[in-house]
Amino acid sequence: EPDLVVYALVLNDAERPEAFRARQDYVNDWILDRQNPPDAAGPPPASPWRPRAFDFVAGRVQAWRVGRETTRWYLEMWSDANPGWRRTQERIRDMDRRLRQRGARLLVAPWPLFVGLERGYPFAAVHETIRRFCLQEGIAHHDTLPAFVGRRSSDLWVHPVDRHPNERAHRLAAESLAPAV
């Protein structure tokens, strides 16, 4: 019988219908680097007939394109472009209603994706969408993003290919949440 439930909402938590989810096959999820698994044998050997500069430029262009598409996918996940966002809102309302019936509170605490925190975090609009939803519904909200903005994203990752929060990120989130809890 908790007095408070903290929903540590991550930006990939919105429901995603099959058609929306299928689009993820074309993007990086900003959480796991699927291009460079940790136990890969390394890059394939370079061809002596192909200039390395070409591969470097092609890789940079591909990374930029995938990054742009991934960012758009995440932004759309929390908009009317994703019918699952409406269902996610219903589920959060339901959690809040059930907890209130038991005399408990719900605190929605969004976590950022650990990308671009150093400059121009690309998902601030998503955090604002979630904040507005909670405000409109009278649901307690505490965004952990301010605890991370300005820090080097990679300093908060478990590993370069696993961008889940490490122990430092968890400490920062806990320190941010303590006054709200």
C-alpha atoms as a PDB file:
ATOM      1  CA  GLU A   1       0.000   0.000   0.000  1.00  0.00           C
ATOM      2  CA  PRO A   2       2.310   2.792  -1.156  1.00  0.00           C
ATOM      3  CA  ASP A   3       1.758   6.435  -0.307  1.00  0.00           C
ATOM      4  CA  LEU A   4       3.519   7.493  -3.489  1.00  0.00           C
ATOM      5  CA  VAL A   5       4.361   5.831  -6.791  1.00  0.00           C
ATOM      6  CA  VAL A   6       7.061   7.469  -8.895  1.00  0.00           C
ATOM      7  CA  TYR A   7       6.631   6.660 -12.574  1.00  0.00           C
ATOM      8  CA  ALA A   8      10.110   7.117 -14.036  1.00  0.00           C
ATOM      9  CA  LEU A   9       8.827   7.678 -17.549  1.00  0.00           C
ATOM     10  CA  VAL A  10      11.441   7.227 -20.281  1.00  0.00           C
ATOM     11  CA  LEU A  11      10.930   8.732 -23.709  1.00  0.00           C
ATOM     12  CA  ASN A  12      10.468   5.315 -25.308  1.00  0.00           C
ATOM     13  CA  ASP A  13       7.599   4.417 -22.937  1.00  0.00           C
ATOM     14  CA  ALA A  14       4.704   5.676 -25.056  1.00  0.00           C
ATOM     15  CA  GLU A  15       2.619   2.923 -26.564  1.00  0.00           C
ATOM     16  CA  ARG A  16       3.468   2.274 -30.178  1.00  0.00           C
ATOM     17  CA  PRO A  17       1.005   0.560 -32.483  1.00  0.00           C
ATOM     18  CA  GLU A  18       2.572  -1.942 -34.894  1.00  0.00           C
ATOM     19  CA  ALA A  19       2.746   0.490 -37.829  1.00  0.00           C
ATOM     20  CA  PHE A  20       4.494   3.119 -35.721  1.00  0.00           C
ATOM     21  CA  ARG A  21       6.804   0.568 -34.101  1.00  0.00           C
ATOM     22  CA  ALA A  22       7.802  -0.819 -37.516  1.00  0.00           C
ATOM     23  CA  ARG A  23       9.352   2.551 -38.347  1.00  0.00           C
ATOM     24  CA  GLN A  24      11.914   1.975 -35.589  1.00  0.00           C
ATOM     25  CA  ASP A  25      13.649  -0.598 -37.764  1.00  0.00           C
ATOM     26  CA  TYR A  26      15.005   2.314 -39.773  1.00  0.00           C
ATOM     27  CA  VAL A  27      16.284   4.330 -36.820  1.00  0.00           C
ATOM     28  CA  ASN A  28      18.666   4.044 -33.893  1.00  0.00           C
ATOM     29  CA  ASP A  29      16.815   4.025 -30.583  1.00  0.00           C
ATOM     30  CA  TRP A  30      19.319   6.416 -28.886  1.00  0.00           C
ATOM     31  CA  ILE A  31      19.577   3.887 -26.073  1.00  0.00           C
ATOM     32  CA  LEU A  32      21.483   0.970 -27.609  1.00  0.00           C
ATOM     33  CA  ASP A  33      23.991   1.425 -30.411  1.00  0.00           C
ATOM     34  CA  ARG A  34      22.991  -1.441 -32.643  1.00  0.00           C
ATOM     35  CA  GLN A  35      25.627  -0.572 -35.243  1.00  0.00           C
ATOM     36  CA  ASN A  36      28.533  -1.258 -32.863  1.00  0.00           C
ATOM     37  CA  PRO A  37      27.764  -4.186 -30.554  1.00  0.00           C
ATOM     38  CA  PRO A  38      30.283  -4.476 -27.704  1.00  0.00           C
ATOM     39  CA  ASP A  39      31.593  -7.893 -28.718  1.00  0.00           C
ATOM     40  CA  ALA A  40      31.952  -7.234 -32.447  1.00  0.00           C
ATOM     41  CA  ALA A  41      35.285  -8.177 -33.957  1.00  0.00           C
ATOM     42  CA  GLY A  42      35.788  -4.627 -35.183  1.00  0.00           C
ATOM     43  CA  PRO A  43      35.097  -2.936 -38.486  1.00  0.00           C
ATOM     44  CA  PRO A  44      35.328  -5.001 -41.652  1.00  0.00           C
ATOM     45  CA  PRO A  45      38.713  -4.826 -43.350  1.00  0.00           C
ATOM     46  CA  ALA A  46      39.132  -1.884 -45.696  1.00  0.00           C
ATOM     47  CA  SER A  47      39.408  -2.544 -49.393  1.00  0.00           C
ATOM     48  CA  PRO A  48      42.739  -1.442 -50.865  1.00  0.00           C
ATOM     49  CA  TRP A  49      40.818  -0.158 -53.915  1.00  0.00           C
ATOM     50  CA  ARG A  50      38.404   2.076 -52.018  1.00  0.00           C
ATOM     51  CA  PRO A  51      39.572   5.402 -50.519  1.00  0.00           C
ATOM     52  CA  ARG A  52      39.091   5.509 -46.732  1.00  0.00           C
ATOM     53  CA  ALA A  53      37.920   9.105 -46.972  1.00  0.00           C
ATOM     54  CA  PHE A  54      34.903   7.891 -48.952  1.00  0.00           C
ATOM     55  CA  ASP A  55      33.942   5.437 -46.191  1.00  0.00           C
ATOM     56  CA  PHE A  56      34.443   8.108 -43.547  1.00  0.00           C
ATOM     57  CA  VAL A  57      32.198  10.619 -45.346  1.00  0.00           C
ATOM     58  CA  ALA A  58      29.596   7.964 -46.173  1.00  0.00           C
ATOM     59  CA  GLY A  59      29.523   6.891 -42.515  1.00  0.00           C
ATOM     60  CA  ARG A  60      29.080  10.468 -41.316  1.00  0.00           C
ATOM     61  CA  VAL A  61      26.248  11.107 -43.787  1.00  0.00           C
ATOM     62  CA  GLN A  62      24.550   7.854 -42.761  1.00  0.00           C
ATOM     63  CA  ALA A  63      24.900   8.726 -39.057  1.00  0.00           C
ATOM     64  CA  TRP A  64      23.435  12.197 -39.662  1.00  0.00           C
ATOM     65  CA  ARG A  65      20.483  10.759 -41.623  1.00  0.00           C
ATOM     66  CA  VAL A  66      19.749   8.088 -39.023  1.00  0.00           C
ATOM     67  CA  GLY A  67      20.070  10.653 -36.224  1.00  0.00           C
ATOM     68  CA  ARG A  68      17.632  12.995 -37.941  1.00  0.00           C
ATOM     69  CA  GLU A  69      15.112  10.190 -38.539  1.00  0.00           C
ATOM     70  CA  THR A  70      15.495   8.887 -34.998  1.00  0.00           C
ATOM     71  CA  THR A  71      14.904  12.318 -33.508  1.00  0.00           C
ATOM     72  CA  ARG A  72      11.793  12.777 -35.646  1.00  0.00           C
ATOM     73  CA  TRP A  73      10.525   9.313 -34.627  1.00  0.00           C
ATOM     74  CA  TYR A  74      10.863  10.143 -30.924  1.00  0.00           C
ATOM     75  CA  LEU A  75       9.211  13.544 -31.342  1.00  0.00           C
ATOM     76  CA  GLU A  76       6.304  11.966 -33.214  1.00  0.00           C
ATOM     77  CA  MET A  77       5.936   9.225 -30.591  1.00  0.00           C
ATOM     78  CA  TRP A  78       4.635  11.892 -28.183  1.00  0.00           C
ATOM     79  CA  SER A  79       2.292  13.571 -30.674  1.00  0.00           C
ATOM     80  CA  ASP A  80      -0.930  12.855 -32.517  1.00  0.00           C
ATOM     81  CA  ALA A  81       1.202  11.159 -35.218  1.00  0.00           C
ATOM     82  CA  ASN A  82       1.289   8.191 -32.811  1.00  0.00           C
ATOM     83  CA  PRO A  83      -2.158   6.906 -31.769  1.00  0.00           C
ATOM     84  CA  GLY A  84      -0.376   5.191 -28.899  1.00  0.00           C
ATOM     85  CA  TRP A  85       0.235   8.566 -27.220  1.00  0.00           C
ATOM     86  CA  ARG A  86      -3.519   8.828 -26.549  1.00  0.00           C
ATOM     87  CA  ARG A  87      -3.522   5.322 -25.036  1.00  0.00           C
ATOM     88  CA  THR A  88      -0.474   6.221 -22.956  1.00  0.00           C
ATOM     89  CA  GLN A  89      -2.353   9.229 -21.596  1.00  0.00           C
ATOM     90  CA  GLU A  90      -5.304   6.977 -20.717  1.00  0.00           C
ATOM     91  CA  ARG A  91      -3.001   4.573 -18.865  1.00  0.00           C
ATOM     92  CA  ILE A  92      -1.384   7.382 -16.875  1.00  0.00           C
ATOM     93  CA  ARG A  93      -4.832   8.756 -15.985  1.00  0.00           C
ATOM     94  CA  ASP A  94      -5.861   5.258 -14.907  1.00  0.00           C
ATOM     95  CA  MET A  95      -2.744   4.834 -12.719  1.00  0.00           C
ATOM     96  CA  ASP A  96      -3.477   8.200 -11.113  1.00  0.00           C
ATOM     97  CA  ARG A  97      -7.168   7.369 -10.554  1.00  0.00           C
ATOM     98  CA  ARG A  98      -6.406   3.976  -8.996  1.00  0.00           C
ATOM     99  CA  LEU A  99      -3.779   5.417  -6.690  1.00  0.00           C
ATOM    100  CA  ARG A 100      -6.071   8.251  -5.572  1.00  0.00           C
ATOM    101  CA  GLN A 101      -8.769   5.707  -4.769  1.00  0.00           C
ATOM    102  CA  ARG A 102      -6.272   4.025  -2.426  1.00  0.00           C
ATOM    103  CA  GLY A 103      -5.199   7.294  -0.845  1.00  0.00           C
ATOM    104  CA  ALA A 104      -1.866   7.369  -2.680  1.00  0.00           C
ATOM    105  CA  ARG A 105      -0.290   9.761  -5.164  1.00  0.00           C
ATOM    106  CA  LEU A 106       1.302   9.344  -8.565  1.00  0.00           C
ATOM    107  CA  LEU A 107       4.375  11.358  -9.498  1.00  0.00           C
ATOM    108  CA  VAL A 108       5.324  11.281 -13.185  1.00  0.00           C
ATOM    109  CA  ALA A 109       9.073  11.826 -13.467  1.00  0.00           C
ATOM    110  CA  PRO A 110      10.294  11.888 -17.076  1.00  0.00           C
ATOM    111  CA  TRP A 111      13.895  10.854 -17.738  1.00  0.00           C
ATOM    112  CA  PRO A 112      15.738  12.281 -20.719  1.00  0.00           C
ATOM    113  CA  LEU A 113      17.409  10.254 -23.404  1.00  0.00           C
ATOM    114  CA  PHE A 114      21.133  10.722 -22.905  1.00  0.00           C
ATOM    115  CA  VAL A 115      21.848  12.393 -26.218  1.00  0.00           C
ATOM    116  CA  GLY A 116      22.632  16.048 -26.887  1.00  0.00           C
ATOM    117  CA  LEU A 117      22.553  17.103 -23.245  1.00  0.00           C
ATOM    118  CA  GLU A 118      25.662  19.227 -23.805  1.00  0.00           C
ATOM    119  CA  ARG A 119      23.975  21.483 -26.307  1.00  0.00           C
ATOM    120  CA  GLY A 120      20.488  21.768 -27.750  1.00  0.00           C
ATOM    121  CA  TYR A 121      18.838  18.698 -26.215  1.00  0.00           C
ATOM    122  CA  PRO A 122      16.554  17.586 -29.076  1.00  0.00           C
ATOM    123  CA  PHE A 123      13.651  16.300 -26.993  1.00  0.00           C
ATOM    124  CA  ALA A 124      12.817  19.287 -24.775  1.00  0.00           C
ATOM    125  CA  ALA A 125       9.487  19.608 -26.611  1.00  0.00           C
ATOM    126  CA  VAL A 126       8.563  16.063 -25.556  1.00  0.00           C
ATOM    127  CA  HIS A 127       9.272  16.894 -21.920  1.00  0.00           C
ATOM    128  CA  GLU A 128       7.054  19.966 -22.303  1.00  0.00           C
ATOM    129  CA  THR A 129       4.254  17.866 -23.842  1.00  0.00           C
ATOM    130  CA  ILE A 130       4.371  15.489 -20.880  1.00  0.00           C
ATOM    131  CA  ARG A 131       4.479  18.400 -18.413  1.00  0.00           C
ATOM    132  CA  ARG A 132       1.424  20.043 -20.020  1.00  0.00           C
ATOM    133  CA  PHE A 133      -0.490  16.755 -19.991  1.00  0.00           C
ATOM    134  CA  CYS A 134       0.227  16.226 -16.277  1.00  0.00           C
ATOM    135  CA  LEU A 135      -0.677  19.819 -15.436  1.00  0.00           C
ATOM    136  CA  GLN A 136      -3.955  19.558 -17.360  1.00  0.00           C
ATOM    137  CA  GLU A 137      -4.826  16.300 -15.584  1.00  0.00           C
ATOM    138  CA  GLY A 138      -3.769  17.448 -12.111  1.00  0.00           C
ATOM    139  CA  ILE A 139      -1.102  14.748 -11.931  1.00  0.00           C
ATOM    140  CA  ALA A 140       2.069  15.507  -9.991  1.00  0.00           C
ATOM    141  CA  HIS A 141       5.089  15.930 -12.263  1.00  0.00           C
ATOM    142  CA  HIS A 142       8.803  16.342 -11.707  1.00  0.00           C
ATOM    143  CA  ASP A 143      11.055  16.393 -14.746  1.00  0.00           C
ATOM    144  CA  THR A 144      14.562  15.068 -14.153  1.00  0.00           C
ATOM    145  CA  LEU A 145      15.897  16.748 -17.322  1.00  0.00           C
ATOM    146  CA  PRO A 146      17.279  19.844 -15.515  1.00  0.00           C
ATOM    147  CA  ALA A 147      19.543  17.572 -13.454  1.00  0.00           C
ATOM    148  CA  PHE A 148      21.244  16.415 -16.651  1.00  0.00           C
ATOM    149  CA  VAL A 149      21.255  19.389 -19.045  1.00  0.00           C
ATOM    150  CA  GLY A 150      24.735  20.716 -19.713  1.00  0.00           C
ATOM    151  CA  ARG A 151      26.446  17.460 -18.738  1.00  0.00           C
ATOM    152  CA  ARG A 152      28.300  15.286 -21.199  1.00  0.00           C
ATOM    153  CA  SER A 153      25.830  12.635 -22.348  1.00  0.00           C
ATOM    154  CA  SER A 154      28.455   9.913 -22.607  1.00  0.00           C
ATOM    155  CA  ASP A 155      29.433  10.460 -18.943  1.00  0.00           C
ATOM    156  CA  LEU A 156      25.968   9.189 -17.994  1.00  0.00           C
ATOM    157  CA  TRP A 157      25.938   6.007 -20.116  1.00  0.00           C
ATOM    158  CA  VAL A 158      26.488   2.494 -18.822  1.00  0.00           C
ATOM    159  CA  HIS A 159      28.718   1.857 -21.858  1.00  0.00           C
ATOM    160  CA  PRO A 160      29.373   3.525 -25.235  1.00  0.00           C
ATOM    161  CA  VAL A 161      27.005   1.063 -26.921  1.00  0.00           C
ATOM    162  CA  ASP A 162      24.503   0.927 -24.032  1.00  0.00           C
ATOM    163  CA  ARG A 163      23.225   4.401 -23.309  1.00  0.00           C
ATOM    164  CA  HIS A 164      21.070   3.419 -20.356  1.00  0.00           C
ATOM    165  CA  PRO A 165      21.775   5.514 -17.239  1.00  0.00           C
ATOM    166  CA  ASN A 166      24.804   4.557 -15.209  1.00  0.00           C
ATOM    167  CA  GLU A 167      25.238   4.928 -11.422  1.00  0.00           C
ATOM    168  CA  ARG A 168      26.091   8.632 -11.757  1.00  0.00           C
ATOM    169  CA  ALA A 169      22.898   9.298 -13.707  1.00  0.00           C
ATOM    170  CA  HIS A 170      20.844   7.414 -11.124  1.00  0.00           C
ATOM    171  CA  ARG A 171      22.426   9.470  -8.332  1.00  0.00           C
ATOM    172  CA  LEU A 172      21.620  12.731 -10.150  1.00  0.00           C
ATOM    173  CA  ALA A 173      18.028  11.607 -10.722  1.00  0.00           C
ATOM    174  CA  ALA A 174      17.626  10.591  -7.085  1.00  0.00           C
ATOM    175  CA  GLU A 175      18.996  13.914  -5.870  1.00  0.00           C
ATOM    176  CA  SER A 176      16.612  15.716  -8.209  1.00  0.00           C
ATOM    177  CA  LEU A 177      13.619  13.651  -7.091  1.00  0.00           C
ATOM    178  CA  ALA A 178      14.289  13.688  -3.340  1.00  0.00           C
ATOM    179  CA  PRO A 179      12.629  17.084  -2.657  1.00  0.00           C
ATOM    180  CA  ALA A 180       9.591  16.157  -4.784  1.00  0.00           C
ATOM    181  CA  VAL A 181       9.212  12.808  -3.015  1.00  0.00           C
END
